[in-house]
Amino acid sequence: MNKKTSWNLWVFEKAEKIIKTATTPLSFKELAWRAINFTVACGKSNPLSFAVRPIADHRRLRLIVGLSLVIFVMVAAFFAPLPSLASDTGGASTIAVLPEGEVKLTTEEAVKWPISSREISQGFWLLHAGIDIRTPVGTPVNPVMRGVVKETEVSRFGYGEKIVIAHQEGYETLYAHLSKINVLVGDEVTTESVIGLSGSTGRSTGPHLHLEIHSDGKPINPLLILGNK
């Protein structure tokens, strides 16, 4: 066998010389010699795969190893359960520790009406992609859901002053005809954030909030998310 192409033969020859000349006890030499023989027997295969191969070839050993793994996984799952896979679209609870040591538990709403008023002056239909909620100028506007500000715009036409917020699951909400914008693109907001104030900017016939909800780029009736009045 060529020394240049056989690493195990090279290891075997070098180790044999070392073992013969070493002054270690005979029992240690025997163990070392067995280890060298095992390495050589591995041939070109990986030593780990060579060691595991007898288990893979033996039906009863495979069964024992498989059952052991199943029992281990069940025990691990019982004592250390996996974290929840629930989405973070809302309903997140926060704990605030007060200086006196008191604990206050607050819960954020998953979905919320953007303003206190629920008086709809124009509903969702083919030529109107959202709903108009009548309210005085200056009413605080909250996001419908937790999200990140995607776009803001100030214009004398169309939507006037508007905000677009991106949410999880492909949802986006649009708030238009505002009198003031309080957020910047990239801001993270919750249903408690005041993103702006209602108004009558752009193409508007009176003070109101125009709200649109888009799912994967397509407008849907906001009442499907917010519920009935």
Foldseek 3Di string as FASTA:
>chain_A
DDCVVFVLVVVLVVQVVCLVPDPDDPVVSVVSNVVSVLSVVCGPHDSVCVVCVVCVVDPVSVVVVVVVVVVVVVVCCVVPPDDDPDDVFFQDKDWDQDPVRDIDIDTAGSFDAQFPADAWPDFDDDVALETKTADDWFTFTFDRIWFFWADWDADQADQHTKTWTATPQQKIKMKGQHPFADDDGGDTGGRPDRGGTWHAGHPGPGTIITMWMDHNRHTDYCCVVVPDD
